Amino acid sequence: MIHPSVNRLRHWLTVVPPRVLAFSKAEFEQKPHPDKWSKKEILGHLCDSAQHNWQRFNWGFYAEKTFVANGYRQDHLVRQNRYQEQTTSQVLNLWIGMNEQIVTVLEAMPEEQWKVRVTADWLETPWTLDQLATDYVDHLEHHLKQIFRPEIQDLIIDSRWHVSVEEAAGQLRTESGGKPFVKVLENRTMTAELFAPKGKDTQSPHEQDELYMVISGTGQFIRGDERIACRPGDLLFVPARMPHRFEDFSADFRVWVVFY
């Protein structure tokens, strides 16, 4: 299985370069304060982060049970590498190259290695390699917000991209607060839910278009003045603000719902 961090990194490798190159030289090198990094230096710091985490991921690739993830001196490295004096293309190409290599390593990571323990003096408790990879992209996105704010927030994708029916059912039991639905995925304006009504479907029209896919059970679907029988595998569409509901559904009735 491809780790979610790989998809997130691929996304940023597509999104970041043209946006970096759109900055003027003055804008990209401007320091908000003498002791603060410029946008170019923040990208340089992300190069340093990529280089150190690339090493960590390679150590994790072969570790038997545990490995130590050494820290690094962030401010010193930014000054030492003189990112502010380099061209934008130099810094950007380094960032691209390092993250493409990280994607290569993570794509090849053996499934069992994601559970390898990671210890470090900057961690209060040990992590797994899985957590380290997720944290790497979280850290990347934190600094991308500093470079591109506020518009970059709309480009962040949910790290979760696969949900089984069993996982979603578990979330419904533990996270729904008694409601017949639970959100399982979200990306920009799209959200996906598991919906399992009991007794009576009391939902109201929504402000977004919807797709329903029946997972289990049978029932009747009312859409405006229309009625249709539905069963597992059926796909149903409802435009925004149209009244709709399920009726006469079986006890095991469950559907995926996608709002977009």
C-alpha atoms as a PDB file:
ATOM      1  CA  MET A   1       0.000   0.000   0.000  1.00  0.00           C
ATOM      2  CA  ILE A   2       1.307   3.478  -0.879  1.00  0.00           C
ATOM      3  CA  HIS A   3       1.762   5.572   2.256  1.00  0.00           C
ATOM      4  CA  PRO A   4      -0.468   8.710   2.376  1.00  0.00           C
ATOM      5  CA  SER A   5       2.616  10.923   2.762  1.00  0.00           C
ATOM      6  CA  VAL A   6       3.703   9.895  -0.753  1.00  0.00           C
ATOM      7  CA  ASN A   7       0.519  11.264  -2.310  1.00  0.00           C
ATOM      8  CA  ARG A   8       0.803  14.459  -0.303  1.00  0.00           C
ATOM      9  CA  LEU A   9       4.417  14.964  -1.418  1.00  0.00           C
ATOM     10  CA  ARG A  10       3.542  14.322  -5.062  1.00  0.00           C
ATOM     11  CA  HIS A  11       0.812  16.927  -4.726  1.00  0.00           C
ATOM     12  CA  TRP A  12       3.230  19.562  -3.403  1.00  0.00           C
ATOM     13  CA  LEU A  13       5.871  18.715  -5.999  1.00  0.00           C
ATOM     14  CA  THR A  14       3.280  19.757  -8.578  1.00  0.00           C
ATOM     15  CA  VAL A  15       1.835  22.756  -6.732  1.00  0.00           C
ATOM     16  CA  VAL A  16       4.903  24.465  -5.240  1.00  0.00           C
ATOM     17  CA  PRO A  17       7.352  25.070  -8.159  1.00  0.00           C
ATOM     18  CA  PRO A  18       5.185  27.356 -10.338  1.00  0.00           C
ATOM     19  CA  ARG A  19       4.077  29.327  -7.292  1.00  0.00           C
ATOM     20  CA  VAL A  20       7.646  29.844  -6.099  1.00  0.00           C
ATOM     21  CA  LEU A  21       8.729  31.023  -9.545  1.00  0.00           C
ATOM     22  CA  ALA A  22       5.837  33.504  -9.599  1.00  0.00           C
ATOM     23  CA  PHE A  23       7.439  35.528  -6.767  1.00  0.00           C
ATOM     24  CA  SER A  24       9.565  38.517  -7.674  1.00  0.00           C
ATOM     25  CA  LYS A  25      13.190  38.394  -6.504  1.00  0.00           C
ATOM     26  CA  ALA A  26      12.529  41.189  -4.015  1.00  0.00           C
ATOM     27  CA  GLU A  27       9.418  39.526  -2.591  1.00  0.00           C
ATOM     28  CA  PHE A  28      11.067  36.124  -2.226  1.00  0.00           C
ATOM     29  CA  GLU A  29      14.150  37.562  -0.489  1.00  0.00           C
ATOM     30  CA  GLN A  30      12.428  40.082   1.789  1.00  0.00           C
ATOM     31  CA  LYS A  31      13.012  39.405   5.486  1.00  0.00           C
ATOM     32  CA  PRO A  32      10.162  40.472   7.790  1.00  0.00           C
ATOM     33  CA  HIS A  33      12.774  41.125  10.503  1.00  0.00           C
ATOM     34  CA  PRO A  34      16.582  40.832  10.541  1.00  0.00           C
ATOM     35  CA  ASP A  35      16.279  37.741  12.744  1.00  0.00           C
ATOM     36  CA  LYS A  36      13.508  36.123  10.663  1.00  0.00           C
ATOM     37  CA  TRP A  37      13.837  33.989   7.565  1.00  0.00           C
ATOM     38  CA  SER A  38      12.830  35.247   4.144  1.00  0.00           C
ATOM     39  CA  LYS A  39      10.560  33.107   1.972  1.00  0.00           C
ATOM     40  CA  LYS A  40      13.677  31.878   0.182  1.00  0.00           C
ATOM     41  CA  GLU A  41      15.303  30.904   3.487  1.00  0.00           C
ATOM     42  CA  ILE A  42      12.151  29.076   4.592  1.00  0.00           C
ATOM     43  CA  LEU A  43      12.364  27.034   1.385  1.00  0.00           C
ATOM     44  CA  GLY A  44      16.048  26.486   2.170  1.00  0.00           C
ATOM     45  CA  HIS A  45      15.103  25.219   5.611  1.00  0.00           C
ATOM     46  CA  LEU A  46      12.707  22.793   3.926  1.00  0.00           C
ATOM     47  CA  CYS A  47      15.670  21.571   1.858  1.00  0.00           C
ATOM     48  CA  ASP A  48      17.578  20.889   5.090  1.00  0.00           C
ATOM     49  CA  SER A  49      14.538  19.124   6.538  1.00  0.00           C
ATOM     50  CA  ALA A  50      14.270  17.010   3.388  1.00  0.00           C
ATOM     51  CA  GLN A  51      17.939  16.011   3.493  1.00  0.00           C
ATOM     52  CA  HIS A  52      17.814  14.931   7.139  1.00  0.00           C
ATOM     53  CA  ASN A  53      14.533  13.094   6.791  1.00  0.00           C
ATOM     54  CA  TRP A  54      15.729  11.360   3.625  1.00  0.00           C
ATOM     55  CA  GLN A  55      18.545   9.944   5.769  1.00  0.00           C
ATOM     56  CA  ARG A  56      16.088   8.942   8.493  1.00  0.00           C
ATOM     57  CA  PHE A  57      13.821   7.156   6.031  1.00  0.00           C
ATOM     58  CA  ASN A  58      16.808   5.262   4.637  1.00  0.00           C
ATOM     59  CA  TRP A  59      17.821   4.201   8.157  1.00  0.00           C
ATOM     60  CA  GLY A  60      14.246   3.097   8.796  1.00  0.00           C
ATOM     61  CA  PHE A  61      14.253   1.074   5.573  1.00  0.00           C
ATOM     62  CA  TYR A  62      16.755  -1.403   7.043  1.00  0.00           C
ATOM     63  CA  ALA A  63      16.253  -1.020  10.803  1.00  0.00           C
ATOM     64  CA  GLU A  64      15.303  -4.224  12.593  1.00  0.00           C
ATOM     65  CA  LYS A  65      13.296  -2.786  15.490  1.00  0.00           C
ATOM     66  CA  THR A  66      14.430   0.726  16.450  1.00  0.00           C
ATOM     67  CA  PHE A  67      16.653   3.477  15.115  1.00  0.00           C
ATOM     68  CA  VAL A  68      17.720   6.908  16.362  1.00  0.00           C
ATOM     69  CA  ALA A  69      16.713   9.995  14.386  1.00  0.00           C
ATOM     70  CA  ASN A  70      19.335  12.649  15.045  1.00  0.00           C
ATOM     71  CA  GLY A  71      18.289  16.275  15.159  1.00  0.00           C
ATOM     72  CA  TYR A  72      19.871  19.194  13.297  1.00  0.00           C
ATOM     73  CA  ARG A  73      20.624  22.875  13.970  1.00  0.00           C
ATOM     74  CA  GLN A  74      18.052  24.635  11.840  1.00  0.00           C
ATOM     75  CA  ASP A  75      19.178  28.268  12.012  1.00  0.00           C
ATOM     76  CA  HIS A  76      22.838  27.343  11.662  1.00  0.00           C
ATOM     77  CA  LEU A  77      22.183  25.283   8.533  1.00  0.00           C
ATOM     78  CA  VAL A  78      20.169  28.049   6.861  1.00  0.00           C
ATOM     79  CA  ARG A  79      23.043  30.493   7.423  1.00  0.00           C
ATOM     80  CA  GLN A  80      25.731  27.927   6.620  1.00  0.00           C
ATOM     81  CA  ASN A  81      24.167  27.037   3.255  1.00  0.00           C
ATOM     82  CA  ARG A  82      23.672  30.701   2.308  1.00  0.00           C
ATOM     83  CA  TYR A  83      20.295  30.129   0.740  1.00  0.00           C
ATOM     84  CA  GLN A  84      19.589  33.858   0.687  1.00  0.00           C
ATOM     85  CA  GLU A  85      22.568  34.348  -1.664  1.00  0.00           C
ATOM     86  CA  GLN A  86      21.542  31.569  -4.061  1.00  0.00           C
ATOM     87  CA  THR A  87      19.176  31.982  -6.982  1.00  0.00           C
ATOM     88  CA  THR A  88      15.559  30.977  -6.516  1.00  0.00           C
ATOM     89  CA  SER A  89      16.026  28.200  -9.068  1.00  0.00           C
ATOM     90  CA  GLN A  90      18.988  26.746  -7.146  1.00  0.00           C
ATOM     91  CA  VAL A  91      17.047  26.480  -3.913  1.00  0.00           C
ATOM     92  CA  LEU A  92      13.867  25.271  -5.615  1.00  0.00           C
ATOM     93  CA  ASN A  93      15.674  22.593  -7.634  1.00  0.00           C
ATOM     94  CA  LEU A  94      17.349  21.288  -4.471  1.00  0.00           C
ATOM     95  CA  TRP A  95      13.959  21.088  -2.735  1.00  0.00           C
ATOM     96  CA  ILE A  96      12.413  19.302  -5.723  1.00  0.00           C
ATOM     97  CA  GLY A  97      15.267  16.820  -6.050  1.00  0.00           C
ATOM     98  CA  MET A  98      15.319  15.895  -2.364  1.00  0.00           C
ATOM     99  CA  ASN A  99      11.578  15.376  -2.162  1.00  0.00           C
ATOM    100  CA  GLU A 100      11.482  13.336  -5.347  1.00  0.00           C
ATOM    101  CA  GLN A 101      14.110  11.102  -3.762  1.00  0.00           C
ATOM    102  CA  ILE A 102      12.095  10.847  -0.538  1.00  0.00           C
ATOM    103  CA  VAL A 103       9.089   9.743  -2.613  1.00  0.00           C
ATOM    104  CA  THR A 104      11.287   7.073  -4.223  1.00  0.00           C
ATOM    105  CA  VAL A 105      12.372   5.725  -0.820  1.00  0.00           C
ATOM    106  CA  LEU A 106       8.895   5.809   0.729  1.00  0.00           C
ATOM    107  CA  GLU A 107       7.292   4.114  -2.281  1.00  0.00           C
ATOM    108  CA  ALA A 108       9.724   1.218  -1.913  1.00  0.00           C
ATOM    109  CA  MET A 109       9.383   0.962   1.884  1.00  0.00           C
ATOM    110  CA  PRO A 110       8.527  -2.620   2.950  1.00  0.00           C
ATOM    111  CA  GLU A 111       5.130  -2.750   4.642  1.00  0.00           C
ATOM    112  CA  GLU A 112       6.531  -4.154   7.896  1.00  0.00           C
ATOM    113  CA  GLN A 113       9.016  -1.275   8.237  1.00  0.00           C
ATOM    114  CA  TRP A 114       6.310   1.307   8.874  1.00  0.00           C
ATOM    115  CA  LYS A 115       6.036  -0.125  12.416  1.00  0.00           C
ATOM    116  CA  VAL A 116       9.754   0.322  13.198  1.00  0.00           C
ATOM    117  CA  ARG A 117      10.244   2.472  16.308  1.00  0.00           C
ATOM    118  CA  VAL A 118      11.973   5.848  16.073  1.00  0.00           C
ATOM    119  CA  THR A 119      13.693   7.411  19.089  1.00  0.00           C
ATOM    120  CA  ALA A 120      15.179  10.899  19.289  1.00  0.00           C
ATOM    121  CA  ASP A 121      16.130  13.482  21.883  1.00  0.00           C
ATOM    122  CA  TRP A 122      13.480  15.772  20.362  1.00  0.00           C
ATOM    123  CA  LEU A 123      10.711  13.189  20.920  1.00  0.00           C
ATOM    124  CA  GLU A 124       9.033  12.777  24.288  1.00  0.00           C
ATOM    125  CA  THR A 125       8.002   9.213  23.437  1.00  0.00           C
ATOM    126  CA  PRO A 126       9.092   6.900  20.590  1.00  0.00           C
ATOM    127  CA  TRP A 127       7.326   7.174  17.254  1.00  0.00           C
ATOM    128  CA  THR A 128       6.856   4.706  14.444  1.00  0.00           C
ATOM    129  CA  LEU A 129       8.311   5.276  10.993  1.00  0.00           C
ATOM    130  CA  ASP A 130       4.717   5.811   9.867  1.00  0.00           C
ATOM    131  CA  GLN A 131       4.408   8.750  12.283  1.00  0.00           C
ATOM    132  CA  LEU A 132       7.752  10.163  11.188  1.00  0.00           C
ATOM    133  CA  ALA A 133       6.675  10.234   7.535  1.00  0.00           C
ATOM    134  CA  THR A 134       3.379  11.912   8.398  1.00  0.00           C
ATOM    135  CA  ASP A 135       5.132  14.474  10.600  1.00  0.00           C
ATOM    136  CA  TYR A 136       7.596  15.275   7.803  1.00  0.00           C
ATOM    137  CA  VAL A 137       4.781  16.355   5.470  1.00  0.00           C
ATOM    138  CA  ASP A 138       2.925  18.143   8.293  1.00  0.00           C
ATOM    139  CA  HIS A 139       6.106  20.151   8.953  1.00  0.00           C
ATOM    140  CA  LEU A 140       6.445  20.884   5.233  1.00  0.00           C
ATOM    141  CA  GLU A 141       2.881  22.185   5.034  1.00  0.00           C
ATOM    142  CA  HIS A 142       3.389  24.333   8.142  1.00  0.00           C
ATOM    143  CA  HIS A 143       6.200  26.221   6.410  1.00  0.00           C
ATOM    144  CA  LEU A 144       4.444  26.343   3.034  1.00  0.00           C
ATOM    145  CA  LYS A 145       1.702  28.285   4.800  1.00  0.00           C
ATOM    146  CA  GLN A 146       4.353  30.800   5.860  1.00  0.00           C
ATOM    147  CA  ILE A 147       5.590  31.164   2.284  1.00  0.00           C
ATOM    148  CA  PHE A 148       2.258  31.291   0.453  1.00  0.00           C
ATOM    149  CA  ARG A 149      -0.324  32.294   3.055  1.00  0.00           C
ATOM    150  CA  PRO A 150      -3.237  32.464   3.034  1.00  0.00           C
ATOM    151  CA  GLU A 151      -4.060  30.880  -0.338  1.00  0.00           C
ATOM    152  CA  ILE A 152      -2.059  27.698   0.294  1.00  0.00           C
ATOM    153  CA  GLN A 153      -4.609  26.555   2.897  1.00  0.00           C
ATOM    154  CA  ASP A 154      -7.074  25.769   0.106  1.00  0.00           C
ATOM    155  CA  LEU A 155      -4.503  23.509  -1.589  1.00  0.00           C
ATOM    156  CA  ILE A 156      -3.839  21.231   1.373  1.00  0.00           C
ATOM    157  CA  ILE A 157      -5.205  17.744   0.794  1.00  0.00           C
ATOM    158  CA  ASP A 158      -6.385  15.268   3.379  1.00  0.00           C
ATOM    159  CA  SER A 159      -3.637  12.766   4.094  1.00  0.00           C
ATOM    160  CA  ARG A 160      -6.228   9.996   4.258  1.00  0.00           C
ATOM    161  CA  TRP A 161      -7.230   8.662   0.852  1.00  0.00           C
ATOM    162  CA  HIS A 162      -8.530   5.151   1.528  1.00  0.00           C
ATOM    163  CA  VAL A 163     -11.242   4.088   3.974  1.00  0.00           C
ATOM    164  CA  SER A 164     -12.710   0.603   4.253  1.00  0.00           C
ATOM    165  CA  VAL A 165     -16.334  -0.013   5.183  1.00  0.00           C
ATOM    166  CA  GLU A 166     -15.117  -1.645   8.406  1.00  0.00           C
ATOM    167  CA  GLU A 167     -13.045   1.402   9.356  1.00  0.00           C
ATOM    168  CA  ALA A 168     -15.920   3.760   8.636  1.00  0.00           C
ATOM    169  CA  ALA A 169     -18.335   1.593  10.640  1.00  0.00           C
ATOM    170  CA  GLY A 170     -15.925   1.752  13.571  1.00  0.00           C
ATOM    171  CA  GLN A 171     -15.832   5.534  13.313  1.00  0.00           C
ATOM    172  CA  LEU A 172     -19.615   5.650  13.212  1.00  0.00           C
ATOM    173  CA  ARG A 173     -19.794   3.673  16.459  1.00  0.00           C
ATOM    174  CA  THR A 174     -17.203   5.751  18.297  1.00  0.00           C
ATOM    175  CA  GLU A 175     -17.235   9.244  16.769  1.00  0.00           C
ATOM    176  CA  SER A 176     -20.744  10.053  15.544  1.00  0.00           C
ATOM    177  CA  GLY A 177     -22.201  11.059  18.899  1.00  0.00           C
ATOM    178  CA  GLY A 178     -25.363   9.084  18.178  1.00  0.00           C
ATOM    179  CA  LYS A 179     -25.887  10.593  14.725  1.00  0.00           C
ATOM    180  CA  PRO A 180     -26.511   8.232  11.777  1.00  0.00           C
ATOM    181  CA  PHE A 181     -23.503   9.535   9.801  1.00  0.00           C
ATOM    182  CA  VAL A 182     -19.781  10.175  10.195  1.00  0.00           C
ATOM    183  CA  LYS A 183     -17.321  12.071   7.981  1.00  0.00           C
ATOM    184  CA  VAL A 184     -14.518   9.824   6.725  1.00  0.00           C
ATOM    185  CA  LEU A 185     -12.729  11.887   4.028  1.00  0.00           C
ATOM    186  CA  GLU A 186     -12.366  15.549   3.174  1.00  0.00           C
ATOM    187  CA  ASN A 187     -10.526  17.446   0.442  1.00  0.00           C
ATOM    188  CA  ARG A 188     -11.214  21.089  -0.330  1.00  0.00           C
ATOM    189  CA  THR A 189     -14.963  21.284  -1.070  1.00  0.00           C
ATOM    190  CA  MET A 190     -15.471  17.490  -1.142  1.00  0.00           C
ATOM    191  CA  THR A 191     -16.489  15.478   1.902  1.00  0.00           C
ATOM    192  CA  ALA A 192     -17.373  11.792   2.121  1.00  0.00           C
ATOM    193  CA  GLU A 193     -19.472  10.180   4.848  1.00  0.00           C
ATOM    194  CA  LEU A 194     -20.843   6.838   5.910  1.00  0.00           C
ATOM    195  CA  PHE A 195     -24.615   7.124   6.423  1.00  0.00           C
ATOM    196  CA  ALA A 196     -26.571   4.405   8.236  1.00  0.00           C
ATOM    197  CA  PRO A 197     -30.068   5.634   9.156  1.00  0.00           C
ATOM    198  CA  LYS A 198     -32.093   3.799  11.794  1.00  0.00           C
ATOM    199  CA  GLY A 199     -35.880   3.848  11.925  1.00  0.00           C
ATOM    200  CA  LYS A 200     -36.504   7.057   9.970  1.00  0.00           C
ATOM    201  CA  ASP A 201     -34.377   9.208   7.680  1.00  0.00           C
ATOM    202  CA  THR A 202     -34.882  12.804   8.845  1.00  0.00           C
ATOM    203  CA  GLN A 203     -32.278  14.551   6.675  1.00  0.00           C
ATOM    204  CA  SER A 204     -32.924  17.936   5.057  1.00  0.00           C
ATOM    205  CA  PRO A 205     -31.750  19.191   1.624  1.00  0.00           C
ATOM    206  CA  HIS A 206     -28.076  20.151   1.444  1.00  0.00           C
ATOM    207  CA  GLU A 207     -26.222  23.047  -0.147  1.00  0.00           C
ATOM    208  CA  GLN A 208     -23.977  20.793  -2.241  1.00  0.00           C
ATOM    209  CA  ASP A 209     -24.591  18.178  -4.927  1.00  0.00           C
ATOM    210  CA  GLU A 210     -24.526  14.627  -3.537  1.00  0.00           C
ATOM    211  CA  LEU A 211     -23.724  11.110  -4.649  1.00  0.00           C
ATOM    212  CA  TYR A 212     -24.951   8.076  -2.720  1.00  0.00           C
ATOM    213  CA  MET A 213     -23.608   4.560  -3.225  1.00  0.00           C
ATOM    214  CA  VAL A 214     -25.449   1.758  -1.461  1.00  0.00           C
ATOM    215  CA  ILE A 215     -23.084  -0.495   0.509  1.00  0.00           C
ATOM    216  CA  SER A 216     -25.519  -2.929   2.102  1.00  0.00           C
ATOM    217  CA  GLY A 217     -29.223  -3.450   2.625  1.00  0.00           C
ATOM    218  CA  THR A 218     -32.174  -2.345   0.532  1.00  0.00           C
ATOM    219  CA  GLY A 219     -34.643   0.517   0.631  1.00  0.00           C
ATOM    220  CA  GLN A 220     -36.619   3.113  -1.259  1.00  0.00           C
ATOM    221  CA  PHE A 221     -35.039   6.401  -2.337  1.00  0.00           C
ATOM    222  CA  ILE A 222     -37.269   9.462  -2.687  1.00  0.00           C
ATOM    223  CA  ARG A 223     -35.859  12.301  -4.816  1.00  0.00           C
ATOM    224  CA  GLY A 224     -38.271  15.184  -5.221  1.00  0.00           C
ATOM    225  CA  ASP A 225     -41.404  13.559  -6.679  1.00  0.00           C
ATOM    226  CA  GLU A 226     -39.536  10.423  -7.781  1.00  0.00           C
ATOM    227  CA  ARG A 227     -39.201   7.089  -5.964  1.00  0.00           C
ATOM    228  CA  ILE A 228     -36.898   4.185  -6.752  1.00  0.00           C
ATOM    229  CA  ALA A 229     -35.901   0.921  -5.084  1.00  0.00           C
ATOM    230  CA  CYS A 230     -32.185   0.729  -4.284  1.00  0.00           C
ATOM    231  CA  ARG A 231     -29.814  -2.102  -3.431  1.00  0.00           C
ATOM    232  CA  PRO A 232     -26.048  -2.675  -2.948  1.00  0.00           C
ATOM    233  CA  GLY A 233     -23.969  -1.199  -5.759  1.00  0.00           C
ATOM    234  CA  ASP A 234     -26.574   1.367  -6.832  1.00  0.00           C
ATOM    235  CA  LEU A 235     -25.345   4.932  -7.394  1.00  0.00           C
ATOM    236  CA  LEU A 236     -27.747   7.819  -6.754  1.00  0.00           C
ATOM    237  CA  PHE A 237     -27.356  11.526  -7.561  1.00  0.00           C
ATOM    238  CA  VAL A 238     -29.106  14.462  -5.881  1.00  0.00           C
ATOM    239  CA  PRO A 239     -28.547  18.094  -6.911  1.00  0.00           C
ATOM    240  CA  ALA A 240     -28.054  20.710  -4.231  1.00  0.00           C
ATOM    241  CA  ARG A 241     -31.157  21.838  -2.294  1.00  0.00           C
ATOM    242  CA  MET A 242     -33.421  19.088  -3.677  1.00  0.00           C
ATOM    243  CA  PRO A 243     -35.549  17.316  -0.995  1.00  0.00           C
ATOM    244  CA  HIS A 244     -34.671  13.627  -0.689  1.00  0.00           C
ATOM    245  CA  ARG A 245     -34.686  10.763   1.818  1.00  0.00           C
ATOM    246  CA  PHE A 246     -34.604   7.008   2.227  1.00  0.00           C
ATOM    247  CA  GLU A 247     -37.691   5.039   3.285  1.00  0.00           C
ATOM    248  CA  ASP A 248     -38.557   1.393   4.028  1.00  0.00           C
ATOM    249  CA  PHE A 249     -34.889   0.515   4.405  1.00  0.00           C
ATOM    250  CA  SER A 250     -33.595  -2.679   5.981  1.00  0.00           C
ATOM    251  CA  ALA A 251     -31.796  -2.809   9.330  1.00  0.00           C
ATOM    252  CA  ASP A 252     -28.416  -3.294   7.645  1.00  0.00           C
ATOM    253  CA  PHE A 253     -28.860  -0.345   5.266  1.00  0.00           C
ATOM    254  CA  ARG A 254     -25.644   1.691   4.774  1.00  0.00           C
ATOM    255  CA  VAL A 255     -24.520   4.093   2.050  1.00  0.00           C
ATOM    256  CA  TRP A 256     -21.490   6.166   1.133  1.00  0.00           C
ATOM    257  CA  VAL A 257     -22.337   9.849   0.690  1.00  0.00           C
ATOM    258  CA  VAL A 258     -20.112  12.247  -1.238  1.00  0.00           C
ATOM    259  CA  PHE A 259     -20.778  16.010  -1.103  1.00  0.00           C
ATOM    260  CA  TYR A 260     -18.996  18.103  -3.716  1.00  0.00           C
END
